[in-house]
């Protein structure tokens, strides 16, 4: 599965997803760190990527525009990079399953 990781999440999350056999890019690694939400939305559609974000605006865009892209909305509070990655790890296979089952929005708390 292909993922696009938004700016509020660490680039290490893209690497972690890659370690799990997925294709993942962080917005800063592809020169889109300061891009507008609509630019990221369009890029995710063009690349066939799932957008992983902490930004509620993408959830709202999904509700207004529909899918694609699929959005994984991370609702975890602020945490250090290591703690966030440890928290996210157990969700990876479940997220993939939910997306493959047709869910356009996966909310992680």
Protein backbone atom coordinates (compact mmCIF):
# COMPACT_ATOMS: atom_id res chain seq x y z
CA UNK A 1 0.00 0.00 0.00
CA UNK A 2 1.20 3.54 -0.68
CA UNK A 3 1.12 6.23 2.03
CA UNK A 4 1.70 9.98 2.11
CA UNK A 5 2.63 11.22 5.59
CA UNK A 6 1.60 14.79 6.43
CA UNK A 7 3.90 17.39 7.99
CA UNK A 8 2.67 17.12 11.62
CA UNK A 9 3.84 13.52 11.74
CA UNK A 10 7.53 12.58 11.78
CA UNK A 11 9.39 11.42 8.66
CA UNK A 12 10.30 8.32 10.69
CA UNK A 13 6.68 7.18 10.31
CA UNK A 14 7.22 6.88 6.55
CA UNK A 15 10.32 4.79 7.19
CA UNK A 16 8.42 2.61 9.66
CA UNK A 17 5.68 1.93 7.10
CA UNK A 18 8.37 1.10 4.54
CA UNK A 19 9.86 -1.39 7.00
CA UNK A 20 6.43 -3.05 7.08
CA UNK A 21 6.54 -3.53 3.29
CA UNK A 22 4.63 -0.45 2.17
CA UNK A 23 5.60 2.50 0.01
CA UNK A 24 5.60 5.64 2.11
CA UNK A 25 6.70 9.23 1.59
CA UNK A 26 6.81 12.11 4.03
CA UNK A 27 5.79 15.47 2.57
CA UNK A 28 9.14 17.04 3.50
CA UNK A 29 11.04 14.31 1.66
CA UNK A 30 9.26 15.16 -1.60
CA UNK A 31 9.40 18.95 -1.31
CA UNK A 32 5.80 19.42 -0.17
CA UNK A 33 6.41 20.25 3.48
CA UNK A 34 4.82 23.69 3.17
CA UNK A 35 2.23 22.77 0.55
CA UNK A 36 -1.41 23.72 0.89
CA UNK A 37 -3.86 21.01 1.91
CA UNK A 38 -5.40 20.91 -1.57
CA UNK A 39 -1.96 20.33 -3.12
CA UNK A 40 -1.35 17.37 -0.80
CA UNK A 41 -4.85 16.07 -1.49
CA UNK A 42 -4.24 16.20 -5.25
CA UNK A 43 -0.81 14.60 -4.92
CA UNK A 44 -2.28 11.73 -2.88
CA UNK A 45 -4.93 11.15 -5.55
CA UNK A 46 -2.38 11.26 -8.39
CA UNK A 47 -0.06 8.82 -6.58
CA UNK A 48 -2.81 6.51 -5.35
CA UNK A 49 -1.63 7.18 -1.81
CA UNK A 50 -3.42 7.00 1.52
CA UNK A 51 -3.03 10.34 3.33
CA UNK A 52 -1.89 9.91 6.95
CA UNK A 53 -2.46 13.08 8.96
CA UNK A 54 -3.26 14.67 12.29
CA UNK A 55 -5.04 17.50 10.47
CA UNK A 56 -8.83 17.49 10.88
CA UNK A 57 -9.11 19.54 7.67
CA UNK A 58 -8.39 16.41 5.60
CA UNK A 59 -11.22 14.58 7.34
CA UNK A 60 -13.48 17.49 6.44
CA UNK A 61 -12.26 17.49 2.83
CA UNK A 62 -13.02 13.79 2.61
CA UNK A 63 -16.55 14.38 3.89
CA UNK A 64 -17.09 17.19 1.37
CA UNK A 65 -15.25 15.83 -1.67
CA UNK A 66 -15.46 12.09 -1.16
CA UNK A 67 -12.73 9.59 -1.80
CA UNK A 68 -10.07 9.20 -3.14
CA UNK A 69 -7.82 9.67 -1.32
CA UNK A 70 -8.38 7.56 1.73
CA UNK A 71 -7.48 9.38 4.94
CA UNK A 72 -5.93 7.93 8.09
CA UNK A 73 -6.68 10.50 10.77
CA UNK A 74 -4.25 10.17 13.68
CA UNK A 75 -5.91 11.53 16.82
CA UNK A 76 -3.05 10.88 19.22
CA UNK A 77 -1.90 13.78 21.33
CA UNK A 78 1.53 15.28 21.12
CA UNK A 79 4.23 12.72 21.75
CA UNK A 80 7.91 12.23 21.12
CA UNK A 81 8.78 10.52 17.85
CA UNK A 82 9.70 7.20 19.48
CA UNK A 83 6.49 7.10 21.55
CA UNK A 84 4.36 7.91 18.50
CA UNK A 85 5.99 5.16 16.45
CA UNK A 86 5.52 2.63 19.24
CA UNK A 87 1.87 3.69 19.56
CA UNK A 88 1.30 3.49 15.78
CA UNK A 89 2.98 0.12 15.16
CA UNK A 90 0.16 -2.12 16.41
CA UNK A 91 -2.32 -0.28 14.17
CA UNK A 92 -0.50 -0.79 10.85
CA UNK A 93 -2.00 -4.13 9.81
CA UNK A 94 -5.45 -3.10 11.04
CA UNK A 95 -5.25 0.14 9.04
CA UNK A 96 -4.35 -1.79 5.90
CA UNK A 97 -7.20 -4.23 6.51
CA UNK A 98 -9.73 -1.43 7.02
CA UNK A 99 -8.61 0.39 3.87
CA UNK A 100 -8.67 -2.80 1.80
CA UNK A 101 -12.18 -3.42 3.18
CA UNK A 102 -13.35 -0.15 1.62
CA UNK A 103 -13.12 2.37 4.47
CA UNK A 104 -12.35 5.87 3.20
CA UNK A 105 -11.60 7.24 6.67
CA UNK A 106 -9.68 5.39 9.35
CA UNK A 107 -9.57 7.23 12.66
CA UNK A 108 -6.88 6.23 15.13
CA UNK A 109 -7.18 7.20 18.80
